[in-house]
C-alpha atoms as a PDB file:
ATOM      1  CA  MET A   1     151.573  50.522 100.219  1.00  0.00           C
ATOM      2  CA  GLY A   2     152.092  51.324 103.846  1.00  0.00           C
ATOM      3  CA  ARG A   3     152.436  54.682 105.551  1.00  0.00           C
ATOM      4  CA  GLU A   4     156.235  54.406 105.378  1.00  0.00           C
ATOM      5  CA  ASP A   5     156.074  54.019 101.574  1.00  0.00           C
ATOM      6  CA  ARG A   6     153.885  57.113 101.323  1.00  0.00           C
ATOM      7  CA  GLU A   7     156.452  59.070 103.332  1.00  0.00           C
ATOM      8  CA  ASP A   8     159.210  57.940 100.921  1.00  0.00           C
ATOM      9  CA  ILE A   9     157.562  59.693  97.967  1.00  0.00           C
ATOM     10  CA  LYS A  10     156.973  63.048  99.666  1.00  0.00           C
ATOM     11  CA  GLY A  11     159.082  65.903  98.295  1.00  0.00           C
ATOM     12  CA  LYS A  12     159.927  63.993  95.116  1.00  0.00           C
ATOM     13  CA  VAL A  13     158.936  64.567  91.505  1.00  0.00           C
ATOM     14  CA  LEU A  14     156.602  61.721  90.556  1.00  0.00           C
ATOM     15  CA  ARG A  15     155.312  60.244  87.329  1.00  0.00           C
ATOM     16  CA  LEU A  16     151.974  59.068  88.713  1.00  0.00           C
ATOM     17  CA  LYS A  17     151.122  56.499  86.060  1.00  0.00           C
ATOM     18  CA  ASP A  18     154.402  54.719  86.796  1.00  0.00           C
ATOM     19  CA  LEU A  19     153.553  54.256  90.490  1.00  0.00           C
ATOM     20  CA  VAL A  20     150.959  51.527  89.871  1.00  0.00           C
ATOM     21  CA  ALA A  21     151.474  48.573  87.514  1.00  0.00           C
ATOM     22  CA  TYR A  22     148.974  46.733  85.354  1.00  0.00           C
ATOM     23  CA  GLN A  23     148.071  43.243  86.546  1.00  0.00           C
ATOM     24  CA  ASP A  24     146.504  40.693  84.205  1.00  0.00           C
ATOM     25  CA  GLY A  25     142.803  40.185  84.839  1.00  0.00           C
ATOM     26  CA  SER A  26     142.595  42.442  87.859  1.00  0.00           C
ATOM     27  CA  ILE A  27     142.540  45.885  89.446  1.00  0.00           C
ATOM     28  CA  ALA A  28     145.521  47.233  91.400  1.00  0.00           C
ATOM     29  CA  SER A  29     145.633  50.277  93.648  1.00  0.00           C
ATOM     30  CA  ARG A  30     148.179  52.336  95.538  1.00  0.00           C
ATOM     31  CA  MET A  31     147.195  55.019  98.056  1.00  0.00           C
ATOM     32  CA  ILE A  32     149.678  57.881  97.959  1.00  0.00           C
ATOM     33  CA  VAL A  33     147.949  60.319 100.361  1.00  0.00           C
ATOM     34  CA  ASN A  34     145.600  59.517 103.222  1.00  0.00           C
ATOM     35  CA  SER A  35     144.407  62.142 105.700  1.00  0.00           C
ATOM     36  CA  LYS A  36     141.298  63.318 107.528  1.00  0.00           C
ATOM     37  CA  ALA A  37     140.692  65.768 104.676  1.00  0.00           C
ATOM     38  CA  GLY A  38     140.783  63.104 101.960  1.00  0.00           C
ATOM     39  CA  SER A  39     142.838  60.630  99.999  1.00  0.00           C
ATOM     40  CA  ILE A  40     144.644  60.243  96.697  1.00  0.00           C
ATOM     41  CA  THR A  41     144.741  56.745  95.232  1.00  0.00           C
ATOM     42  CA  LEU A  42     146.194  55.441  91.973  1.00  0.00           C
ATOM     43  CA  PHE A  43     144.404  52.586  90.200  1.00  0.00           C
ATOM     44  CA  SER A  44     145.192  50.328  87.262  1.00  0.00           C
ATOM     45  CA  PHE A  45     142.515  48.227  85.573  1.00  0.00           C
ATOM     46  CA  ASP A  46     143.011  45.470  83.061  1.00  0.00           C
ATOM     47  CA  ARG A  47     140.706  45.561  80.014  1.00  0.00           C
ATOM     48  CA  ASP A  48     137.070  44.683  80.863  1.00  0.00           C
ATOM     49  CA  GLU A  49     137.668  44.993  84.623  1.00  0.00           C
ATOM     50  CA  GLY A  50     135.506  47.428  86.536  1.00  0.00           C
ATOM     51  CA  ILE A  51     133.741  48.560  89.659  1.00  0.00           C
ATOM     52  CA  SER A  52     130.011  47.957  89.970  1.00  0.00           C
ATOM     53  CA  GLU A  53     127.592  50.778  90.681  1.00  0.00           C
ATOM     54  CA  HIS A  54     127.966  52.289  94.133  1.00  0.00           C
ATOM     55  CA  THR A  55     127.852  55.632  95.916  1.00  0.00           C
ATOM     56  CA  ALA A  56     130.398  57.426  98.071  1.00  0.00           C
ATOM     57  CA  PRO A  57     129.715  59.879 100.887  1.00  0.00           C
ATOM     58  CA  PHE A  58     132.235  62.397  99.506  1.00  0.00           C
ATOM     59  CA  ASP A  59     133.001  64.179  96.242  1.00  0.00           C
ATOM     60  CA  ALA A  60     135.546  62.304  94.129  1.00  0.00           C
ATOM     61  CA  VAL A  61     137.675  63.497  91.205  1.00  0.00           C
ATOM     62  CA  ALA A  62     138.891  60.863  88.719  1.00  0.00           C
ATOM     63  CA  THR A  63     141.586  61.739  86.171  1.00  0.00           C
ATOM     64  CA  ILE A  64     142.606  59.213  83.533  1.00  0.00           C
ATOM     65  CA  LEU A  65     146.391  58.775  83.355  1.00  0.00           C
ATOM     66  CA  ASP A  66     146.537  56.114  80.626  1.00  0.00           C
ATOM     67  CA  GLY A  67     144.074  54.217  78.421  1.00  0.00           C
ATOM     68  CA  GLU A  68     140.305  54.563  78.191  1.00  0.00           C
ATOM     69  CA  CYS A  69     137.309  53.796  80.386  1.00  0.00           C
ATOM     70  CA  GLU A  70     133.580  54.200  80.661  1.00  0.00           C
ATOM     71  CA  ILE A  71     132.180  55.875  83.752  1.00  0.00           C
ATOM     72  CA  ARG A  72     128.433  55.768  84.316  1.00  0.00           C
ATOM     73  CA  LEU A  73     127.448  58.643  86.605  1.00  0.00           C
ATOM     74  CA  SER A  74     123.817  59.001  87.685  1.00  0.00           C
ATOM     75  CA  GLY A  75     122.762  56.917  84.671  1.00  0.00           C
ATOM     76  CA  VAL A  76     124.762  58.932  82.095  1.00  0.00           C
ATOM     77  CA  VAL A  77     127.629  57.176  80.298  1.00  0.00           C
ATOM     78  CA  HIS A  78     130.887  59.111  79.910  1.00  0.00           C
ATOM     79  CA  LEU A  79     133.795  57.857  77.800  1.00  0.00           C
ATOM     80  CA  LEU A  80     137.093  59.105  79.203  1.00  0.00           C
ATOM     81  CA  LYS A  81     140.654  58.863  77.919  1.00  0.00           C
ATOM     82  CA  GLU A  82     144.096  59.944  79.043  1.00  0.00           C
ATOM     83  CA  GLY A  83     144.146  63.507  80.365  1.00  0.00           C
ATOM     84  CA  GLU A  84     140.400  63.766  80.985  1.00  0.00           C
ATOM     85  CA  THR A  85     138.770  64.279  84.375  1.00  0.00           C
ATOM     86  CA  ILE A  86     135.306  63.817  85.834  1.00  0.00           C
ATOM     87  CA  ILE A  87     133.992  65.046  89.186  1.00  0.00           C
ATOM     88  CA  MET A  88     131.607  62.607  90.850  1.00  0.00           C
ATOM     89  CA  PRO A  89     129.420  64.348  93.430  1.00  0.00           C
ATOM     90  CA  ALA A  90     128.867  62.807  96.838  1.00  0.00           C
ATOM     91  CA  HIS A  91     126.025  60.254  96.908  1.00  0.00           C
ATOM     92  CA  ALA A  92     125.745  60.090  93.075  1.00  0.00           C
ATOM     93  CA  PRO A  93     125.578  56.474  91.859  1.00  0.00           C
ATOM     94  CA  HIS A  94     128.526  55.621  89.624  1.00  0.00           C
ATOM     95  CA  ALA A  95     130.217  52.611  88.015  1.00  0.00           C
ATOM     96  CA  LEU A  96     133.324  52.154  85.933  1.00  0.00           C
ATOM     97  CA  THR A  97     134.507  49.742  83.195  1.00  0.00           C
ATOM     98  CA  ALA A  98     137.906  49.539  81.494  1.00  0.00           C
ATOM     99  CA  LEU A  99     137.590  49.777  77.695  1.00  0.00           C
ATOM    100  CA  THR A 100     141.364  49.248  77.441  1.00  0.00           C
ATOM    101  CA  PRO A 101     143.863  48.700  80.202  1.00  0.00           C
ATOM    102  CA  PHE A 102     143.767  52.055  81.966  1.00  0.00           C
ATOM    103  CA  LYS A 103     145.126  53.943  84.956  1.00  0.00           C
ATOM    104  CA  MET A 104     143.524  56.710  86.947  1.00  0.00           C
ATOM    105  CA  ILE A 105     144.107  58.877  89.957  1.00  0.00           C
ATOM    106  CA  LEU A 106     141.178  59.233  92.336  1.00  0.00           C
ATOM    107  CA  VAL A 107     141.082  62.198  94.694  1.00  0.00           C
ATOM    108  CA  MET A 108     138.495  61.848  97.445  1.00  0.00           C
ATOM    109  CA  ILE A 109     137.591  65.054  99.286  1.00  0.00           C
ATOM    110  CA  LYS A 110     136.243  64.402 102.797  1.00  0.00           C
ATOM    111  CA  ALA A 111     136.235  67.869 104.317  1.00  0.00           C
END
């Protein structure tokens, strides 16, 4: 989604989980806000898809919009489902696996 597409959604009522579609056997994403202060990105994961362990230089807030996933944060496994949120501190190792097809919103705070 380009900058123009992000401008098109400003000032509108949005149903976030409808802004990114599931794709068989893959992960899809759609950035809806991108600024110096941070970003907001929507993700969809097909079952058994995931992101391997990594770190990020900023705090990140993940909220599950649909389905269920496993997030491993600093070695601790957390099972999350629709409506639940986890805050991942900057530099904390984390990984994610889809237990079912699931969607999430990821808010990255840079400032």
